[in-house]
Amino acid sequence: MPKVTFLPGGKTVKAREGQTLVSLAGAHRIIIPQRCGGHASCLMCKVVIEQGEVSPPSELERRKMQEKDLLDQIRLGCQARVTGKDCVVRIPDNRLKSIVQAALERQRAEEEEEW
């Protein structure tokens, strides 16, 4: 049974061959943002395949994604399927999450200066 490691959290889970990365992640409470229900229309579920392999891009994914992204191992989590081999998948930081984290860090730093 293949294993998939999700970064940045580092959680490794067992997978069934043919399962999409989005469905696998959701079954293990790992969040890959999406809002189209797996139809490759929102493009929010982009992930980076850092090691190993997943299924080749589907026709739908090839139409939606830039060729350069596919060559750089950037895939849609709703379309990329687990193969019989282990892989490592990076979920990019959500831009909004990054902005909120930076604001919270600034606020903490300001509060520490006041003390």
N, C-alpha and C. Protein backbone atom coordinates (compact mmCIF):
# COMPACT_ATOMS: atom_id res chain seq x y z
N MET A 1 0.85 -1.18 0.00
CA MET A 1 0.00 0.00 0.00
C MET A 1 0.90 1.24 0.00
N PRO A 2 0.73 2.12 -1.00
CA PRO A 2 1.60 3.31 -1.08
C PRO A 2 1.33 4.29 0.07
N LYS A 3 2.37 5.08 0.36
CA LYS A 3 2.26 6.11 1.40
C LYS A 3 2.46 7.47 0.75
N VAL A 4 1.70 8.44 1.26
CA VAL A 4 1.82 9.82 0.79
C VAL A 4 2.15 10.68 2.00
N THR A 5 3.20 11.48 1.87
CA THR A 5 3.58 12.42 2.93
C THR A 5 3.17 13.81 2.48
N PHE A 6 2.40 14.49 3.33
CA PHE A 6 1.94 15.84 3.03
C PHE A 6 2.80 16.84 3.80
N LEU A 7 3.37 17.80 3.07
CA LEU A 7 4.15 18.87 3.67
C LEU A 7 3.35 20.16 3.59
N PRO A 8 3.48 21.12 4.47
CA PRO A 8 4.55 21.26 5.44
C PRO A 8 4.32 20.50 6.75
N GLY A 9 3.19 19.90 6.96
CA GLY A 9 2.91 19.23 8.23
C GLY A 9 3.72 17.97 8.48
N GLY A 10 4.13 17.31 7.40
CA GLY A 10 4.92 16.10 7.53
C GLY A 10 4.13 14.85 7.86
N LYS A 11 2.81 14.91 7.70
CA LYS A 11 1.97 13.76 8.01
C LYS A 11 2.02 12.74 6.87
N THR A 12 2.33 11.48 7.21
CA THR A 12 2.38 10.40 6.24
C THR A 12 1.18 9.49 6.44
N VAL A 13 0.48 9.20 5.34
CA VAL A 13 -0.72 8.37 5.41
C VAL A 13 -0.66 7.28 4.35
N LYS A 14 -1.32 6.17 4.62
CA LYS A 14 -1.44 5.10 3.63
C LYS A 14 -2.56 5.46 2.67
N ALA A 15 -2.38 5.08 1.41
CA ALA A 15 -3.35 5.46 0.38
C ALA A 15 -3.75 4.25 -0.45
N ARG A 16 -4.89 4.39 -1.09
CA ARG A 16 -5.32 3.39 -2.07
C ARG A 16 -4.93 3.89 -3.45
N GLU A 17 -4.45 3.00 -4.28
CA GLU A 17 -4.10 3.36 -5.64
C GLU A 17 -5.35 3.89 -6.35
N GLY A 18 -5.20 5.00 -7.06
CA GLY A 18 -6.32 5.60 -7.78
C GLY A 18 -7.05 6.69 -7.01
N GLN A 19 -6.76 6.83 -5.74
CA GLN A 19 -7.41 7.85 -4.91
C GLN A 19 -6.82 9.23 -5.24
N THR A 20 -7.67 10.26 -5.34
CA THR A 20 -7.14 11.60 -5.59
C THR A 20 -6.47 12.13 -4.33
N LEU A 21 -5.54 13.05 -4.52
CA LEU A 21 -4.84 13.64 -3.37
C LEU A 21 -5.80 14.42 -2.49
N VAL A 22 -6.78 15.10 -3.09
CA VAL A 22 -7.76 15.85 -2.30
C VAL A 22 -8.58 14.91 -1.42
N SER A 23 -9.05 13.80 -1.98
CA SER A 23 -9.88 12.89 -1.18
C SER A 23 -9.04 12.21 -0.10
N LEU A 24 -7.80 11.86 -0.42
CA LEU A 24 -6.92 11.26 0.58
C LEU A 24 -6.64 12.23 1.72
N ALA A 25 -6.31 13.47 1.37
CA ALA A 25 -6.03 14.48 2.38
C ALA A 25 -7.27 14.71 3.26
N GLY A 26 -8.42 14.86 2.64
CA GLY A 26 -9.65 15.09 3.41
C GLY A 26 -9.97 13.97 4.37
N ALA A 27 -9.70 12.73 3.96
CA ALA A 27 -9.97 11.58 4.83
C ALA A 27 -9.07 11.57 6.07
N HIS A 28 -7.97 12.32 6.01
CA HIS A 28 -7.03 12.36 7.13
C HIS A 28 -6.93 13.76 7.75
N ARG A 29 -7.96 14.57 7.51
CA ARG A 29 -8.07 15.92 8.08
C ARG A 29 -6.89 16.82 7.72
N ILE A 30 -6.42 16.67 6.50
CA ILE A 30 -5.39 17.54 5.95
C ILE A 30 -6.11 18.42 4.93
N ILE A 31 -5.93 19.72 5.05
CA ILE A 31 -6.70 20.64 4.22
C ILE A 31 -5.94 21.00 2.95
N ILE A 32 -6.55 20.69 1.82
CA ILE A 32 -6.13 21.20 0.52
C ILE A 32 -7.31 22.06 0.06
N PRO A 33 -7.12 23.39 0.03
CA PRO A 33 -8.25 24.26 -0.32
C PRO A 33 -8.84 23.93 -1.69
N GLN A 34 -10.16 24.00 -1.76
CA GLN A 34 -10.87 23.82 -3.03
C GLN A 34 -12.30 24.29 -2.84
N ARG A 35 -12.96 24.60 -3.93
CA ARG A 35 -14.37 24.97 -3.82
C ARG A 35 -15.21 24.47 -4.98
N CYS A 36 -14.60 23.72 -5.89
CA CYS A 36 -15.34 23.26 -7.07
C CYS A 36 -15.78 21.80 -6.96
N GLY A 37 -15.46 21.16 -5.85
CA GLY A 37 -15.88 19.77 -5.67
C GLY A 37 -15.12 18.78 -6.54
N GLY A 38 -13.90 19.14 -6.92
CA GLY A 38 -13.07 18.20 -7.68
C GLY A 38 -13.26 18.23 -9.18
N HIS A 39 -13.80 19.33 -9.71
CA HIS A 39 -14.05 19.43 -11.15
C HIS A 39 -12.98 20.23 -11.90
N ALA A 40 -11.88 20.54 -11.22
CA ALA A 40 -10.75 21.27 -11.83
C ALA A 40 -11.14 22.64 -12.35
N SER A 41 -12.14 23.25 -11.77
CA SER A 41 -12.54 24.57 -12.27
C SER A 41 -12.06 25.72 -11.40
N CYS A 42 -11.81 25.50 -10.12
CA CYS A 42 -11.40 26.62 -9.26
C CYS A 42 -9.88 26.79 -9.21
N LEU A 43 -9.13 25.76 -9.51
CA LEU A 43 -7.66 25.77 -9.51
C LEU A 43 -7.06 26.11 -8.15
N MET A 44 -7.83 25.95 -7.09
CA MET A 44 -7.34 26.26 -5.74
C MET A 44 -6.51 25.12 -5.14
N CYS A 45 -6.63 23.93 -5.66
CA CYS A 45 -6.03 22.76 -5.02
C CYS A 45 -4.67 22.40 -5.59
N LYS A 46 -3.94 23.40 -6.09
CA LYS A 46 -2.62 23.13 -6.64
C LYS A 46 -1.68 22.64 -5.55
N VAL A 47 -0.94 21.59 -5.87
CA VAL A 47 0.05 21.02 -4.97
C VAL A 47 1.33 20.78 -5.78
N VAL A 48 2.43 20.58 -5.06
CA VAL A 48 3.71 20.31 -5.71
C VAL A 48 4.12 18.89 -5.36
N ILE A 49 4.40 18.08 -6.37
CA ILE A 49 4.87 16.72 -6.13
C ILE A 49 6.39 16.82 -5.98
N GLU A 50 6.87 16.69 -4.74
CA GLU A 50 8.30 16.88 -4.47
C GLU A 50 9.11 15.61 -4.69
N GLN A 51 8.52 14.46 -4.41
CA GLN A 51 9.21 13.18 -4.62
C GLN A 51 8.18 12.15 -5.04
N GLY A 52 8.66 11.11 -5.68
CA GLY A 52 7.77 10.04 -6.08
C GLY A 52 6.95 10.42 -7.29
N GLU A 53 5.82 9.76 -7.45
CA GLU A 53 5.00 10.04 -8.62
C GLU A 53 3.52 9.88 -8.31
N VAL A 54 2.74 10.56 -9.11
CA VAL A 54 1.28 10.41 -9.11
C VAL A 54 0.88 10.12 -10.55
N SER A 55 -0.39 9.96 -10.79
CA SER A 55 -0.87 9.66 -12.14
C SER A 55 -0.49 10.78 -13.12
N PRO A 56 -0.39 10.45 -14.39
CA PRO A 56 -0.14 11.49 -15.40
C PRO A 56 -1.31 12.48 -15.42
N PRO A 57 -1.07 13.71 -15.87
CA PRO A 57 -2.15 14.70 -15.95
C PRO A 57 -3.29 14.22 -16.84
N SER A 58 -4.52 14.43 -16.38
CA SER A 58 -5.69 14.10 -17.18
C SER A 58 -5.86 15.16 -18.28
N GLU A 59 -6.69 14.88 -19.27
CA GLU A 59 -6.95 15.85 -20.33
C GLU A 59 -7.50 17.15 -19.75
N LEU A 60 -8.40 17.01 -18.79
CA LEU A 60 -8.98 18.18 -18.15
C LEU A 60 -7.89 19.01 -17.47
N GLU A 61 -7.00 18.35 -16.76
CA GLU A 61 -5.92 19.06 -16.08
C GLU A 61 -4.98 19.71 -17.09
N ARG A 62 -4.71 19.05 -18.19
CA ARG A 62 -3.84 19.62 -19.23
C ARG A 62 -4.46 20.89 -19.83
N ARG A 63 -5.79 20.91 -19.95
CA ARG A 63 -6.47 22.10 -20.49
C ARG A 63 -6.42 23.26 -19.49
N LYS A 64 -6.51 22.95 -18.21
CA LYS A 64 -6.60 24.00 -17.18
C LYS A 64 -5.25 24.54 -16.73
N MET A 65 -4.23 23.70 -16.74
CA MET A 65 -2.93 24.08 -16.18
C MET A 65 -1.96 24.50 -17.28
N GLN A 66 -1.02 25.37 -16.95
CA GLN A 66 0.02 25.75 -17.88
C GLN A 66 1.03 24.60 -17.99
N GLU A 67 1.56 24.40 -19.17
CA GLU A 67 2.53 23.32 -19.40
C GLU A 67 3.74 23.47 -18.49
N LYS A 68 4.19 24.70 -18.27
CA LYS A 68 5.34 24.95 -17.39
C LYS A 68 5.06 24.44 -15.98
N ASP A 69 3.86 24.70 -15.47
CA ASP A 69 3.50 24.22 -14.13
C ASP A 69 3.54 22.69 -14.07
N LEU A 70 3.00 22.05 -15.07
CA LEU A 70 3.00 20.59 -15.09
C LEU A 70 4.42 20.05 -15.13
N LEU A 71 5.30 20.69 -15.90
CA LEU A 71 6.71 20.28 -15.95
C LEU A 71 7.41 20.50 -14.62
N ASP A 72 6.96 21.52 -13.86
CA ASP A 72 7.53 21.80 -12.53
C ASP A 72 6.88 20.96 -11.43
N GLN A 73 6.11 19.95 -11.84
CA GLN A 73 5.45 19.03 -10.90
C GLN A 73 4.36 19.71 -10.06
N ILE A 74 3.77 20.79 -10.59
CA ILE A 74 2.62 21.42 -9.94
C ILE A 74 1.39 20.77 -10.53
N ARG A 75 0.56 20.23 -9.65
CA ARG A 75 -0.62 19.48 -10.11
C ARG A 75 -1.85 19.94 -9.35
N LEU A 76 -3.01 19.60 -9.90
CA LEU A 76 -4.27 19.84 -9.20
C LEU A 76 -4.53 18.63 -8.31
N GLY A 77 -4.70 18.87 -7.03
CA GLY A 77 -4.92 17.77 -6.08
C GLY A 77 -6.20 17.00 -6.36
N CYS A 78 -7.16 17.65 -7.02
CA CYS A 78 -8.43 16.97 -7.32
C CYS A 78 -8.31 16.05 -8.53
N GLN A 79 -7.23 16.19 -9.29
CA GLN A 79 -7.04 15.38 -10.50
C GLN A 79 -5.89 14.37 -10.36
N ALA A 80 -4.87 14.72 -9.59
CA ALA A 80 -3.71 13.84 -9.42
C ALA A 80 -4.11 12.66 -8.54
N ARG A 81 -3.81 11.47 -9.02
CA ARG A 81 -4.19 10.24 -8.30
C ARG A 81 -2.96 9.48 -7.84
N VAL A 82 -3.12 8.81 -6.71
CA VAL A 82 -2.06 8.00 -6.13
C VAL A 82 -1.78 6.82 -7.06
N THR A 83 -0.51 6.53 -7.26
CA THR A 83 -0.11 5.33 -8.00
C THR A 83 0.35 4.30 -6.98
N GLY A 84 0.99 3.27 -7.40
CA GLY A 84 1.48 2.26 -6.48
C GLY A 84 2.75 2.65 -5.76
N LYS A 85 3.25 3.86 -6.03
CA LYS A 85 4.51 4.30 -5.44
C LYS A 85 4.28 5.40 -4.41
N ASP A 86 5.17 5.45 -3.42
CA ASP A 86 5.12 6.50 -2.40
C ASP A 86 5.40 7.86 -3.04
N CYS A 87 4.90 8.92 -2.40
CA CYS A 87 5.21 10.26 -2.88
C CYS A 87 5.16 11.27 -1.74
N VAL A 88 5.77 12.42 -2.00
CA VAL A 88 5.78 13.54 -1.07
C VAL A 88 5.11 14.70 -1.78
N VAL A 89 4.10 15.27 -1.13
CA VAL A 89 3.28 16.33 -1.73
C VAL A 89 3.35 17.57 -0.85
N ARG A 90 3.70 18.70 -1.44
CA ARG A 90 3.72 19.96 -0.69
C ARG A 90 2.45 20.75 -1.00
N ILE A 91 1.76 21.14 0.06
CA ILE A 91 0.58 21.99 -0.06
C ILE A 91 1.07 23.43 0.14
N PRO A 92 1.02 24.27 -0.90
CA PRO A 92 1.52 25.64 -0.75
C PRO A 92 0.71 26.42 0.30
N ASP A 93 1.40 27.35 0.94
CA ASP A 93 0.73 28.20 1.92
C ASP A 93 -0.36 29.00 1.24
N ASN A 94 -1.48 29.13 1.91
CA ASN A 94 -2.57 29.97 1.47
C ASN A 94 -2.14 31.42 1.65
N ARG A 95 -2.31 32.26 0.63
CA ARG A 95 -1.88 33.66 0.72
C ARG A 95 -2.53 34.39 1.89
N LEU A 96 -3.84 34.19 2.08
CA LEU A 96 -4.54 34.86 3.17
C LEU A 96 -3.98 34.41 4.51
N LYS A 97 -3.74 33.12 4.64
CA LYS A 97 -3.17 32.59 5.88
C LYS A 97 -1.81 33.23 6.16
N SER A 98 -0.99 33.40 5.14
CA SER A 98 0.33 34.01 5.30
C SER A 98 0.21 35.46 5.76
N ILE A 99 -0.75 36.18 5.20
CA ILE A 99 -0.96 37.58 5.59
C ILE A 99 -1.40 37.67 7.05
N VAL A 100 -2.33 36.81 7.45
CA VAL A 100 -2.81 36.81 8.83
C VAL A 100 -1.68 36.45 9.79
N GLN A 101 -0.89 35.43 9.46
CA GLN A 101 0.22 35.04 10.32
C GLN A 101 1.22 36.19 10.48
N ALA A 102 1.54 36.89 9.40
CA ALA A 102 2.47 38.01 9.48
C ALA A 102 1.91 39.13 10.36
N ALA A 103 0.61 39.40 10.24
CA ALA A 103 -0.02 40.43 11.07
C ALA A 103 0.02 40.05 12.55
N LEU A 104 -0.25 38.78 12.83
CA LEU A 104 -0.20 38.32 14.22
C LEU A 104 1.21 38.41 14.80
N GLU A 105 2.21 38.09 14.01
CA GLU A 105 3.59 38.19 14.47
C GLU A 105 3.96 39.64 14.76
N ARG A 106 3.54 40.56 13.88
CA ARG A 106 3.80 41.99 14.13
C ARG A 106 3.13 42.45 15.41
N GLN A 107 1.89 42.01 15.62
CA GLN A 107 1.15 42.39 16.81
C GLN A 107 1.85 41.87 18.07
N ARG A 108 2.31 40.62 18.04
CA ARG A 108 3.04 40.06 19.19
C ARG A 108 4.31 40.85 19.46
N ALA A 109 5.04 41.20 18.41
CA ALA A 109 6.28 41.95 18.57
C ALA A 109 6.01 43.32 19.19
N GLU A 110 4.93 43.98 18.74
CA GLU A 110 4.57 45.29 19.29
C GLU A 110 4.19 45.18 20.77
N GLU A 111 3.46 44.13 21.10
CA GLU A 111 3.05 43.94 22.50
C GLU A 111 4.26 43.66 23.39
N GLU A 112 5.24 42.91 22.88
CA GLU A 112 6.44 42.64 23.67
C GLU A 112 7.24 43.91 23.89
N GLU A 113 7.28 44.81 22.90
CA GLU A 113 8.00 46.07 23.04
C GLU A 113 7.37 46.95 24.10
N GLU A 114 6.02 46.87 24.21
CA GLU A 114 5.32 47.70 25.19
C GLU A 114 5.63 47.26 26.62
N TRP A 115 5.93 45.99 26.81
CA TRP A 115 6.21 45.48 28.15
C TRP A 115 7.62 45.84 28.49
